[in-house]
Amino acid sequence: MPRLARLDIAGLLQHVIVRGIERRDIFSDDIDRQNFVDRVSALLPETGIRCYAWAILSNHFHLLLMPTSTPLASFMRRLLTGYAVSFNRRHNRSGHLFQNRYKSIVCEEEPYLLELVRYIHLNPLRAGMVASLDELDHDRWSGHAVLMGNRSFSGQDTNSIQERYGNTLATAQHNYRQFVSDGITEGRRDELVGRGLKRSQGIVKYHYFTQFQS
């Protein structure tokens, strides 16, 4: 069966998910994680890709991106190839590191942007990589701590998110954190990881069919 064409158009919000081959770990330790973060933060300003949320787990990662001048495919090719070569060299291995192609889910910016930011940033808590929201507030491996002002990450567009929660930074961070806290009990959200496809003119378009509030 031929591969389906991707929608790779400037201005489209895309939830990108990449998994390790056979669901194996793609981050063995903090050195690997920092290597990956450094590569993402260097590529974002260079390519003009906007990043609204991100999270690194053991065997996969999430990015919430909006391409502008550079196609998403070019960004992902440089990111994944560079990281895989570095990872294989460091761990004395060869062969594929990632499972098939990356998964990109196109969605409408409104109203799904904030819901996706929350969903992605809660992944480390749901996976047990951090024990609490307080710990997530300072976690190095997701964009949540960046929005809370506790970490820095070059290329993450914090202003576009924070301005939706309040007129001052303190108010915005307080309201954003409350929104994240409210989502802790929601569990898995299949509609936010591409479950449910709408086909149009031979190209797969990804749309979310549920409303924000459950």
N, C-alpha and C. Protein backbone atom coordinates (compact mmCIF):
# COMPACT_ATOMS: atom_id res chain seq x y z
N MET A 1 0.84 -1.18 0.00
CA MET A 1 0.00 0.00 0.00
C MET A 1 0.88 1.24 0.00
N PRO A 2 0.66 2.20 -0.93
CA PRO A 2 1.50 3.39 -0.99
C PRO A 2 1.35 4.25 0.25
N ARG A 3 2.41 4.96 0.58
CA ARG A 3 2.34 5.87 1.71
C ARG A 3 1.43 7.05 1.40
N LEU A 4 0.73 7.51 2.40
CA LEU A 4 -0.16 8.65 2.24
C LEU A 4 0.64 9.95 2.24
N ALA A 5 0.23 10.88 1.41
CA ALA A 5 0.91 12.16 1.33
C ALA A 5 0.71 12.95 2.62
N ARG A 6 1.72 13.70 2.97
CA ARG A 6 1.63 14.54 4.15
C ARG A 6 1.11 15.93 3.77
N LEU A 7 0.45 16.56 4.69
CA LEU A 7 0.14 17.97 4.56
C LEU A 7 1.29 18.74 5.19
N ASP A 8 2.05 19.45 4.38
CA ASP A 8 3.23 20.17 4.87
C ASP A 8 3.17 21.58 4.31
N ILE A 9 2.30 22.39 4.91
CA ILE A 9 2.03 23.73 4.43
C ILE A 9 2.32 24.72 5.55
N ALA A 10 2.92 25.84 5.18
CA ALA A 10 3.21 26.87 6.18
C ALA A 10 1.93 27.32 6.87
N GLY A 11 2.03 27.50 8.19
CA GLY A 11 0.90 27.98 8.96
C GLY A 11 0.00 26.90 9.51
N LEU A 12 0.30 25.63 9.24
CA LEU A 12 -0.50 24.54 9.79
C LEU A 12 0.11 24.07 11.11
N LEU A 13 -0.71 24.01 12.15
CA LEU A 13 -0.27 23.50 13.44
C LEU A 13 -0.18 21.98 13.36
N GLN A 14 0.95 21.41 13.79
CA GLN A 14 1.15 19.97 13.67
C GLN A 14 1.68 19.38 14.97
N HIS A 15 1.01 18.34 15.41
CA HIS A 15 1.45 17.55 16.57
C HIS A 15 2.29 16.41 16.04
N VAL A 16 3.58 16.45 16.33
CA VAL A 16 4.53 15.46 15.82
C VAL A 16 4.86 14.47 16.93
N ILE A 17 4.78 13.19 16.59
CA ILE A 17 5.12 12.12 17.54
C ILE A 17 6.13 11.20 16.87
N VAL A 18 7.23 10.94 17.54
CA VAL A 18 8.27 10.06 17.01
C VAL A 18 8.58 9.00 18.06
N ARG A 19 8.56 7.74 17.64
CA ARG A 19 8.83 6.62 18.54
C ARG A 19 10.07 5.86 18.11
N GLY A 20 10.71 5.22 19.09
CA GLY A 20 11.85 4.38 18.80
C GLY A 20 11.42 3.12 18.07
N ILE A 21 12.29 2.59 17.25
CA ILE A 21 11.99 1.36 16.53
C ILE A 21 11.70 0.24 17.52
N GLU A 22 10.65 -0.52 17.25
CA GLU A 22 10.18 -1.58 18.15
C GLU A 22 9.95 -1.04 19.56
N ARG A 23 9.60 0.25 19.63
CA ARG A 23 9.33 0.94 20.89
C ARG A 23 10.51 0.89 21.87
N ARG A 24 11.71 0.78 21.32
CA ARG A 24 12.91 0.81 22.15
C ARG A 24 13.21 2.23 22.58
N ASP A 25 14.02 2.35 23.65
CA ASP A 25 14.39 3.67 24.14
C ASP A 25 15.23 4.41 23.11
N ILE A 26 14.97 5.69 22.95
CA ILE A 26 15.79 6.54 22.10
C ILE A 26 16.55 7.57 22.93
N PHE A 27 16.33 7.57 24.22
CA PHE A 27 17.08 8.40 25.16
C PHE A 27 17.52 7.50 26.31
N SER A 28 18.82 7.29 26.42
CA SER A 28 19.33 6.39 27.46
C SER A 28 19.62 7.11 28.77
N ASP A 29 19.93 8.41 28.67
CA ASP A 29 20.29 9.16 29.85
C ASP A 29 20.15 10.65 29.56
N ASP A 30 20.51 11.47 30.53
CA ASP A 30 20.37 12.91 30.38
C ASP A 30 21.31 13.49 29.32
N ILE A 31 22.42 12.80 29.05
CA ILE A 31 23.31 13.27 27.98
C ILE A 31 22.60 13.18 26.64
N ASP A 32 21.91 12.07 26.40
CA ASP A 32 21.13 11.93 25.17
C ASP A 32 20.03 12.98 25.10
N ARG A 33 19.33 13.17 26.21
CA ARG A 33 18.23 14.14 26.23
C ARG A 33 18.75 15.56 25.95
N GLN A 34 19.87 15.92 26.56
CA GLN A 34 20.41 17.25 26.34
C GLN A 34 20.89 17.42 24.91
N ASN A 35 21.46 16.38 24.35
CA ASN A 35 21.88 16.39 22.95
C ASN A 35 20.68 16.68 22.05
N PHE A 36 19.57 16.02 22.31
CA PHE A 36 18.37 16.21 21.51
C PHE A 36 17.82 17.62 21.69
N VAL A 37 17.73 18.08 22.92
CA VAL A 37 17.20 19.42 23.20
C VAL A 37 18.06 20.48 22.52
N ASP A 38 19.37 20.32 22.56
CA ASP A 38 20.27 21.28 21.92
C ASP A 38 20.04 21.33 20.42
N ARG A 39 19.80 20.17 19.82
CA ARG A 39 19.57 20.12 18.38
C ARG A 39 18.25 20.81 18.02
N VAL A 40 17.21 20.55 18.79
CA VAL A 40 15.92 21.19 18.52
C VAL A 40 16.03 22.70 18.68
N SER A 41 16.63 23.14 19.76
CA SER A 41 16.70 24.58 20.04
C SER A 41 17.57 25.31 19.01
N ALA A 42 18.54 24.62 18.41
CA ALA A 42 19.37 25.23 17.37
C ALA A 42 18.62 25.31 16.05
N LEU A 43 17.84 24.28 15.74
CA LEU A 43 17.14 24.22 14.46
C LEU A 43 15.93 25.14 14.39
N LEU A 44 15.26 25.35 15.51
CA LEU A 44 14.02 26.13 15.48
C LEU A 44 14.23 27.55 14.96
N PRO A 45 15.13 28.33 15.54
CA PRO A 45 15.31 29.69 15.00
C PRO A 45 15.91 29.69 13.60
N GLU A 46 16.72 28.70 13.29
CA GLU A 46 17.35 28.63 11.97
C GLU A 46 16.33 28.38 10.87
N THR A 47 15.32 27.58 11.16
CA THR A 47 14.33 27.19 10.15
C THR A 47 13.05 28.01 10.22
N GLY A 48 12.88 28.79 11.28
CA GLY A 48 11.66 29.56 11.43
C GLY A 48 10.46 28.74 11.87
N ILE A 49 10.70 27.51 12.31
CA ILE A 49 9.62 26.67 12.83
C ILE A 49 9.22 27.18 14.22
N ARG A 50 7.93 27.34 14.46
CA ARG A 50 7.45 27.75 15.78
C ARG A 50 7.15 26.51 16.62
N CYS A 51 7.63 26.53 17.84
CA CYS A 51 7.41 25.41 18.75
C CYS A 51 6.61 25.92 19.94
N TYR A 52 5.45 25.30 20.19
CA TYR A 52 4.58 25.72 21.27
C TYR A 52 4.64 24.78 22.47
N ALA A 53 5.00 23.52 22.23
CA ALA A 53 5.07 22.54 23.32
C ALA A 53 5.98 21.40 22.91
N TRP A 54 6.58 20.72 23.89
CA TRP A 54 7.43 19.57 23.61
C TRP A 54 7.59 18.76 24.89
N ALA A 55 7.85 17.48 24.71
CA ALA A 55 8.09 16.59 25.84
C ALA A 55 8.90 15.40 25.37
N ILE A 56 9.89 15.04 26.18
CA ILE A 56 10.76 13.90 25.90
C ILE A 56 10.47 12.81 26.90
N LEU A 57 10.15 11.61 26.40
CA LEU A 57 9.99 10.45 27.26
C LEU A 57 11.13 9.47 26.95
N SER A 58 11.04 8.24 27.39
CA SER A 58 12.15 7.31 27.17
C SER A 58 12.22 6.81 25.73
N ASN A 59 11.07 6.39 25.19
CA ASN A 59 11.08 5.79 23.86
C ASN A 59 10.34 6.59 22.80
N HIS A 60 9.95 7.82 23.14
CA HIS A 60 9.31 8.68 22.14
C HIS A 60 9.33 10.13 22.60
N PHE A 61 8.96 11.02 21.69
CA PHE A 61 8.86 12.42 22.05
C PHE A 61 7.72 13.07 21.28
N HIS A 62 7.26 14.20 21.81
CA HIS A 62 6.18 14.99 21.21
C HIS A 62 6.70 16.40 20.92
N LEU A 63 6.29 16.95 19.79
CA LEU A 63 6.56 18.35 19.46
C LEU A 63 5.28 18.95 18.90
N LEU A 64 4.97 20.16 19.30
CA LEU A 64 3.84 20.89 18.72
C LEU A 64 4.42 22.05 17.93
N LEU A 65 4.36 21.95 16.61
CA LEU A 65 5.10 22.83 15.73
C LEU A 65 4.20 23.50 14.70
N MET A 66 4.64 24.67 14.24
CA MET A 66 4.00 25.33 13.12
C MET A 66 5.08 25.81 12.15
N PRO A 67 5.19 25.17 10.98
CA PRO A 67 6.17 25.61 9.99
C PRO A 67 5.81 26.99 9.44
N THR A 68 6.83 27.76 9.09
CA THR A 68 6.60 29.06 8.44
C THR A 68 7.33 29.07 7.10
N SER A 69 8.62 29.35 7.11
CA SER A 69 9.36 29.42 5.86
C SER A 69 9.99 28.10 5.43
N THR A 70 10.19 27.20 6.37
CA THR A 70 10.82 25.91 6.09
C THR A 70 9.81 24.79 6.25
N PRO A 71 9.71 23.87 5.29
CA PRO A 71 8.78 22.74 5.43
C PRO A 71 9.11 21.91 6.67
N LEU A 72 8.07 21.37 7.28
CA LEU A 72 8.28 20.51 8.44
C LEU A 72 9.16 19.32 8.10
N ALA A 73 8.99 18.75 6.92
CA ALA A 73 9.77 17.58 6.52
C ALA A 73 11.26 17.86 6.55
N SER A 74 11.67 19.05 6.13
CA SER A 74 13.09 19.40 6.13
C SER A 74 13.62 19.51 7.56
N PHE A 75 12.84 20.14 8.41
CA PHE A 75 13.21 20.26 9.82
C PHE A 75 13.35 18.89 10.46
N MET A 76 12.37 18.03 10.27
CA MET A 76 12.39 16.71 10.90
C MET A 76 13.52 15.84 10.34
N ARG A 77 13.79 15.94 9.06
CA ARG A 77 14.88 15.15 8.48
C ARG A 77 16.21 15.54 9.11
N ARG A 78 16.45 16.82 9.25
CA ARG A 78 17.71 17.26 9.86
C ARG A 78 17.79 16.86 11.32
N LEU A 79 16.68 17.01 12.04
CA LEU A 79 16.67 16.68 13.46
C LEU A 79 16.89 15.19 13.69
N LEU A 80 16.11 14.36 13.01
CA LEU A 80 16.17 12.92 13.26
C LEU A 80 17.45 12.30 12.75
N THR A 81 17.92 12.74 11.58
CA THR A 81 19.17 12.18 11.04
C THR A 81 20.34 12.55 11.92
N GLY A 82 20.42 13.82 12.29
CA GLY A 82 21.54 14.25 13.13
C GLY A 82 21.56 13.56 14.48
N TYR A 83 20.37 13.45 15.10
CA TYR A 83 20.33 12.80 16.42
C TYR A 83 20.64 11.32 16.32
N ALA A 84 20.11 10.63 15.30
CA ALA A 84 20.33 9.19 15.16
C ALA A 84 21.81 8.88 14.95
N VAL A 85 22.48 9.67 14.12
CA VAL A 85 23.91 9.46 13.89
C VAL A 85 24.68 9.65 15.20
N SER A 86 24.35 10.70 15.94
CA SER A 86 25.02 10.98 17.20
C SER A 86 24.76 9.88 18.23
N PHE A 87 23.50 9.46 18.32
CA PHE A 87 23.12 8.41 19.28
C PHE A 87 23.84 7.10 18.96
N ASN A 88 23.84 6.71 17.69
CA ASN A 88 24.48 5.45 17.31
C ASN A 88 25.98 5.49 17.57
N ARG A 89 26.59 6.62 17.29
CA ARG A 89 28.03 6.73 17.53
C ARG A 89 28.33 6.64 19.02
N ARG A 90 27.54 7.31 19.83
CA ARG A 90 27.79 7.34 21.27
C ARG A 90 27.58 5.97 21.90
N HIS A 91 26.58 5.23 21.41
CA HIS A 91 26.24 3.95 22.02
C HIS A 91 26.75 2.76 21.22
N ASN A 92 27.64 3.04 20.29
CA ASN A 92 28.29 1.97 19.51
C ASN A 92 27.27 1.01 18.89
N ARG A 93 26.28 1.57 18.23
CA ARG A 93 25.25 0.77 17.57
C ARG A 93 25.11 1.23 16.13
N SER A 94 24.36 0.46 15.35
CA SER A 94 24.09 0.81 13.96
C SER A 94 22.64 0.49 13.65
N GLY A 95 22.18 0.97 12.51
CA GLY A 95 20.81 0.68 12.10
C GLY A 95 19.84 1.79 12.47
N HIS A 96 18.57 1.55 12.16
CA HIS A 96 17.53 2.54 12.38
C HIS A 96 17.30 2.75 13.87
N LEU A 97 17.03 3.99 14.23
CA LEU A 97 16.72 4.33 15.62
C LEU A 97 15.24 4.57 15.81
N PHE A 98 14.59 5.13 14.78
CA PHE A 98 13.20 5.53 14.89
C PHE A 98 12.27 4.58 14.13
N GLN A 99 11.04 4.52 14.59
CA GLN A 99 10.03 3.63 14.02
C GLN A 99 9.38 4.30 12.81
N ASN A 100 9.66 3.76 11.63
CA ASN A 100 9.04 4.24 10.39
C ASN A 100 9.20 5.75 10.25
N ARG A 101 8.23 6.39 9.63
CA ARG A 101 8.23 7.84 9.51
C ARG A 101 7.68 8.45 10.80
N TYR A 102 8.03 9.70 11.00
CA TYR A 102 7.41 10.39 12.12
C TYR A 102 5.93 10.58 11.84
N LYS A 103 5.15 10.67 12.89
CA LYS A 103 3.71 10.88 12.78
C LYS A 103 3.41 12.35 12.97
N SER A 104 2.75 12.97 12.00
CA SER A 104 2.37 14.37 12.13
C SER A 104 0.87 14.50 12.00
N ILE A 105 0.26 15.15 12.95
CA ILE A 105 -1.20 15.28 13.02
C ILE A 105 -1.53 16.75 12.86
N VAL A 106 -2.15 17.08 11.75
CA VAL A 106 -2.51 18.46 11.47
C VAL A 106 -3.81 18.79 12.18
N CYS A 107 -3.84 19.94 12.84
CA CYS A 107 -5.06 20.33 13.55
C CYS A 107 -5.28 21.83 13.43
N GLU A 108 -6.48 22.25 13.68
CA GLU A 108 -6.81 23.66 13.67
C GLU A 108 -6.18 24.34 14.89
N GLU A 109 -5.62 25.51 14.65
CA GLU A 109 -4.98 26.23 15.76
C GLU A 109 -5.99 26.59 16.83
N GLU A 110 -7.15 27.02 16.44
CA GLU A 110 -8.21 27.32 17.38
C GLU A 110 -9.34 26.31 17.19
N PRO A 111 -9.81 25.68 18.24
CA PRO A 111 -9.43 25.92 19.64
C PRO A 111 -8.46 24.90 20.21
N TYR A 112 -7.73 24.14 19.37
CA TYR A 112 -6.98 22.99 19.88
C TYR A 112 -5.58 23.30 20.37
N LEU A 113 -5.07 24.48 20.11
CA LEU A 113 -3.70 24.80 20.50
C LEU A 113 -3.47 24.59 21.99
N LEU A 114 -4.28 25.20 22.83
CA LEU A 114 -4.05 25.12 24.27
C LEU A 114 -4.28 23.71 24.80
N GLU A 115 -5.26 23.02 24.24
CA GLU A 115 -5.51 21.65 24.68
C GLU A 115 -4.32 20.75 24.38
N LEU A 116 -3.70 20.96 23.22
CA LEU A 116 -2.53 20.16 22.85
C LEU A 116 -1.32 20.51 23.70
N VAL A 117 -1.15 21.79 24.00
CA VAL A 117 -0.05 22.19 24.88
C VAL A 117 -0.17 21.47 26.22
N ARG A 118 -1.36 21.46 26.79
CA ARG A 118 -1.58 20.78 28.06
C ARG A 118 -1.34 19.28 27.94
N TYR A 119 -1.91 18.67 26.91
CA TYR A 119 -1.76 17.22 26.74
C TYR A 119 -0.29 16.81 26.61
N ILE A 120 0.44 17.52 25.77
CA ILE A 120 1.85 17.18 25.56
C ILE A 120 2.66 17.38 26.83
N HIS A 121 2.44 18.47 27.53
CA HIS A 121 3.24 18.76 28.71
C HIS A 121 2.91 17.87 29.90
N LEU A 122 1.76 17.23 29.88
CA LEU A 122 1.41 16.30 30.96
C LEU A 122 1.96 14.90 30.72
N ASN A 123 2.51 14.62 29.55
CA ASN A 123 3.01 13.28 29.26
C ASN A 123 4.05 12.78 30.25
N PRO A 124 5.04 13.58 30.67
CA PRO A 124 6.00 13.06 31.65
C PRO A 124 5.35 12.68 32.97
N LEU A 125 4.31 13.39 33.38
CA LEU A 125 3.61 13.05 34.63
C LEU A 125 2.82 11.76 34.45
N ARG A 126 2.13 11.64 33.34
CA ARG A 126 1.35 10.41 33.10
C ARG A 126 2.24 9.19 32.98
N ALA A 127 3.44 9.38 32.44
CA ALA A 127 4.36 8.26 32.25
C ALA A 127 5.16 7.93 33.50
N GLY A 128 5.00 8.72 34.56
CA GLY A 128 5.71 8.45 35.80
C GLY A 128 7.15 8.94 35.79
N MET A 129 7.51 9.79 34.83
CA MET A 129 8.87 10.31 34.79
C MET A 129 9.06 11.43 35.80
N VAL A 130 7.96 12.07 36.19
CA VAL A 130 7.96 12.99 37.32
C VAL A 130 6.81 12.57 38.23
N ALA A 131 6.91 12.88 39.50
CA ALA A 131 5.95 12.36 40.47
C ALA A 131 4.77 13.27 40.74
N SER A 132 4.90 14.55 40.37
CA SER A 132 3.85 15.50 40.71
C SER A 132 3.92 16.71 39.79
N LEU A 133 2.88 17.53 39.85
CA LEU A 133 2.87 18.75 39.06
C LEU A 133 3.97 19.70 39.55
N ASP A 134 4.22 19.72 40.86
CA ASP A 134 5.30 20.55 41.38
C ASP A 134 6.64 20.16 40.77
N GLU A 135 6.85 18.86 40.61
CA GLU A 135 8.09 18.38 40.00
C GLU A 135 8.12 18.71 38.51
N LEU A 136 6.96 18.60 37.86
CA LEU A 136 6.88 18.94 36.45
C LEU A 136 7.21 20.41 36.22
N ASP A 137 6.86 21.26 37.17
CA ASP A 137 7.14 22.70 37.06
C ASP A 137 8.62 22.99 36.83
N HIS A 138 9.48 22.07 37.24
CA HIS A 138 10.93 22.28 37.12
C HIS A 138 11.60 21.23 36.25
N ASP A 139 10.83 20.39 35.61
CA ASP A 139 11.39 19.30 34.80
C ASP A 139 12.15 19.85 33.60
N ARG A 140 13.32 19.28 33.33
CA ARG A 140 14.17 19.76 32.24
C ARG A 140 13.72 19.28 30.88
N TRP A 141 12.84 18.28 30.83
CA TRP A 141 12.62 17.60 29.57
C TRP A 141 11.22 17.79 28.99
N SER A 142 10.62 18.91 29.30
CA SER A 142 9.38 19.31 28.61
C SER A 142 9.29 20.83 28.63
N GLY A 143 8.40 21.36 27.79
CA GLY A 143 8.25 22.80 27.70
C GLY A 143 7.41 23.42 28.80
N HIS A 144 6.85 22.59 29.68
CA HIS A 144 6.02 23.13 30.76
C HIS A 144 6.82 24.05 31.67
N ALA A 145 8.00 23.61 32.09
CA ALA A 145 8.81 24.42 32.99
C ALA A 145 9.24 25.72 32.33
N VAL A 146 9.36 25.71 31.00
CA VAL A 146 9.72 26.94 30.27
C VAL A 146 8.57 27.94 30.37
N LEU A 147 7.35 27.47 30.18
CA LEU A 147 6.19 28.34 30.31
C LEU A 147 6.03 28.86 31.74
N MET A 148 6.47 28.08 32.71
CA MET A 148 6.39 28.49 34.10
C MET A 148 7.54 29.42 34.50
N GLY A 149 8.48 29.64 33.60
CA GLY A 149 9.59 30.53 33.87
C GLY A 149 10.72 29.90 34.66
N ASN A 150 10.73 28.58 34.79
CA ASN A 150 11.74 27.90 35.59
C ASN A 150 12.87 27.30 34.76
N ARG A 151 12.71 27.24 33.45
CA ARG A 151 13.72 26.74 32.54
C ARG A 151 13.74 27.63 31.31
N SER A 152 14.81 27.55 30.53
CA SER A 152 14.87 28.28 29.27
C SER A 152 15.01 27.28 28.13
N PHE A 153 14.47 27.65 26.99
CA PHE A 153 14.55 26.79 25.81
C PHE A 153 14.47 27.69 24.58
N SER A 154 15.59 27.86 23.91
CA SER A 154 15.65 28.73 22.75
C SER A 154 14.74 28.21 21.64
N GLY A 155 13.87 29.08 21.16
CA GLY A 155 13.00 28.68 20.06
C GLY A 155 11.58 28.36 20.48
N GLN A 156 11.34 28.11 21.77
CA GLN A 156 9.97 27.85 22.21
C GLN A 156 9.19 29.15 22.27
N ASP A 157 8.04 29.18 21.62
CA ASP A 157 7.21 30.38 21.58
C ASP A 157 6.33 30.42 22.83
N THR A 158 6.83 31.04 23.87
CA THR A 158 6.08 31.12 25.12
C THR A 158 5.05 32.24 25.08
N ASN A 159 5.38 33.33 24.39
CA ASN A 159 4.48 34.49 24.40
C ASN A 159 3.10 34.16 23.83
N SER A 160 3.07 33.39 22.74
CA SER A 160 1.80 33.07 22.10
C SER A 160 0.88 32.26 23.01
N ILE A 161 1.48 31.51 23.93
CA ILE A 161 0.68 30.72 24.88
C ILE A 161 0.33 31.56 26.09
N GLN A 162 1.31 32.22 26.68
CA GLN A 162 1.07 32.96 27.91
C GLN A 162 0.07 34.09 27.73
N GLU A 163 0.07 34.75 26.58
CA GLU A 163 -0.84 35.88 26.38
C GLU A 163 -2.30 35.46 26.35
N ARG A 164 -2.55 34.17 26.18
CA ARG A 164 -3.92 33.65 26.16
C ARG A 164 -4.45 33.41 27.57
N TYR A 165 -3.59 33.53 28.58
CA TYR A 165 -3.99 33.23 29.94
C TYR A 165 -4.02 34.45 30.86
N GLY A 166 -3.57 35.59 30.39
CA GLY A 166 -3.61 36.76 31.26
C GLY A 166 -2.80 37.90 30.71
N ASN A 167 -3.03 39.09 31.25
CA ASN A 167 -2.36 40.30 30.78
C ASN A 167 -1.00 40.51 31.40
N THR A 168 -0.74 39.86 32.52
CA THR A 168 0.59 39.94 33.13
C THR A 168 1.19 38.54 33.16
N LEU A 169 2.52 38.47 33.23
CA LEU A 169 3.19 37.18 33.23
C LEU A 169 2.77 36.34 34.43
N ALA A 170 2.71 36.93 35.60
CA ALA A 170 2.34 36.18 36.80
C ALA A 170 0.94 35.61 36.69
N THR A 171 -0.01 36.41 36.20
CA THR A 171 -1.38 35.93 36.02
C THR A 171 -1.44 34.82 34.98
N ALA A 172 -0.73 35.03 33.89
CA ALA A 172 -0.73 34.03 32.82
C ALA A 172 -0.18 32.70 33.31
N GLN A 173 0.92 32.73 34.03
CA GLN A 173 1.51 31.49 34.52
C GLN A 173 0.61 30.80 35.53
N HIS A 174 -0.03 31.58 36.39
CA HIS A 174 -0.96 31.00 37.36
C HIS A 174 -2.13 30.33 36.66
N ASN A 175 -2.74 31.01 35.69
CA ASN A 175 -3.91 30.45 35.00
C ASN A 175 -3.53 29.27 34.12
N TYR A 176 -2.36 29.36 33.48
CA TYR A 176 -1.89 28.23 32.68
C TYR A 176 -1.67 26.99 33.55
N ARG A 177 -1.02 27.18 34.69
CA ARG A 177 -0.76 26.05 35.57
C ARG A 177 -2.07 25.42 36.06
N GLN A 178 -3.06 26.24 36.36
CA GLN A 178 -4.35 25.71 36.79
C GLN A 178 -5.00 24.90 35.67
N PHE A 179 -4.88 25.38 34.44
CA PHE A 179 -5.41 24.65 33.29
C PHE A 179 -4.73 23.29 33.15
N VAL A 180 -3.42 23.26 33.32
CA VAL A 180 -2.69 21.99 33.27
C VAL A 180 -3.13 21.08 34.41
N SER A 181 -3.25 21.62 35.59
CA SER A 181 -3.68 20.83 36.75
C SER A 181 -5.05 20.20 36.52
N ASP A 182 -5.95 20.96 35.90
CA ASP A 182 -7.29 20.45 35.64
C ASP A 182 -7.29 19.27 34.67
N GLY A 183 -6.23 19.12 33.89
CA GLY A 183 -6.16 18.05 32.91
C GLY A 183 -5.53 16.77 33.42
N ILE A 184 -5.03 16.77 34.64
CA ILE A 184 -4.30 15.61 35.15
C ILE A 184 -5.18 14.36 35.20
N THR A 185 -6.43 14.53 35.54
CA THR A 185 -7.31 13.36 35.72
C THR A 185 -7.97 12.91 34.42
N GLU A 186 -7.68 13.58 33.32
CA GLU A 186 -8.37 13.24 32.07
C GLU A 186 -7.91 11.92 31.46
N GLY A 187 -6.66 11.53 31.69
CA GLY A 187 -6.16 10.29 31.12
C GLY A 187 -5.86 10.43 29.65
N ARG A 188 -5.81 9.32 28.95
CA ARG A 188 -5.46 9.31 27.54
C ARG A 188 -6.54 10.00 26.72
N ARG A 189 -6.11 10.84 25.77
CA ARG A 189 -7.01 11.55 24.88
C ARG A 189 -6.73 11.09 23.45
N ASP A 190 -7.44 10.06 22.99
CA ASP A 190 -7.15 9.48 21.68
C ASP A 190 -7.30 10.50 20.56
N GLU A 191 -8.24 11.43 20.72
CA GLU A 191 -8.45 12.40 19.64
C GLU A 191 -7.29 13.38 19.52
N LEU A 192 -6.43 13.44 20.52
CA LEU A 192 -5.29 14.34 20.47
C LEU A 192 -4.02 13.68 19.95
N VAL A 193 -4.10 12.40 19.62
CA VAL A 193 -2.96 11.71 19.02
C VAL A 193 -3.34 11.11 17.67
N GLY A 194 -4.37 11.69 17.03
CA GLY A 194 -4.65 11.34 15.65
C GLY A 194 -5.66 10.23 15.44
N ARG A 195 -6.40 9.86 16.45
CA ARG A 195 -7.43 8.84 16.26
C ARG A 195 -8.65 9.49 15.62
N GLY A 196 -8.98 9.04 14.43
CA GLY A 196 -10.09 9.63 13.69
C GLY A 196 -9.53 10.45 12.54
N LEU A 197 -9.65 9.91 11.31
CA LEU A 197 -9.09 10.57 10.15
C LEU A 197 -10.19 10.93 9.18
N LYS A 198 -10.04 12.08 8.55
CA LYS A 198 -10.99 12.51 7.55
C LYS A 198 -10.28 12.60 6.21
N ARG A 199 -10.70 11.79 5.23
CA ARG A 199 -10.04 11.76 3.94
C ARG A 199 -10.67 12.79 3.01
N SER A 200 -9.80 13.49 2.27
CA SER A 200 -10.29 14.49 1.34
C SER A 200 -9.36 14.58 0.15
N GLN A 201 -9.86 14.31 -1.04
CA GLN A 201 -9.13 14.43 -2.28
C GLN A 201 -7.85 13.62 -2.26
N GLY A 202 -7.91 12.43 -1.69
CA GLY A 202 -6.78 11.53 -1.70
C GLY A 202 -5.70 11.84 -0.69
N ILE A 203 -5.85 12.93 0.07
CA ILE A 203 -4.87 13.30 1.08
C ILE A 203 -5.51 13.15 2.44
N VAL A 204 -4.78 12.58 3.38
CA VAL A 204 -5.33 12.43 4.73
C VAL A 204 -5.21 13.75 5.47
N LYS A 205 -6.34 14.24 5.93
CA LYS A 205 -6.37 15.42 6.77
C LYS A 205 -6.76 14.98 8.18
N TYR A 206 -6.05 15.46 9.15
CA TYR A 206 -6.32 15.09 10.53
C TYR A 206 -7.12 16.21 11.19
N HIS A 207 -8.27 15.86 11.74
CA HIS A 207 -9.09 16.83 12.43
C HIS A 207 -9.49 16.25 13.78
N TYR A 208 -9.67 17.09 14.76
CA TYR A 208 -10.17 16.64 16.04
C TYR A 208 -11.66 16.91 16.09
N PHE A 209 -12.41 15.92 16.51
CA PHE A 209 -13.85 16.01 16.44
C PHE A 209 -14.51 16.35 17.77
N THR A 210 -13.77 16.27 18.86
CA THR A 210 -14.39 16.55 20.16
C THR A 210 -14.14 17.97 20.60
N GLN A 211 -14.95 18.45 21.48
CA GLN A 211 -14.75 19.77 22.03
C GLN A 211 -13.72 19.68 23.15
N PHE A 212 -13.22 20.86 23.57
CA PHE A 212 -12.23 20.90 24.65
C PHE A 212 -12.75 20.29 25.94
N GLN A 213 -13.89 20.77 26.37
CA GLN A 213 -14.35 20.40 27.68
C GLN A 213 -15.01 19.03 27.65
N SER A 214 -14.60 18.17 28.57
CA SER A 214 -15.18 16.83 28.64
C SER A 214 -16.18 16.75 29.79
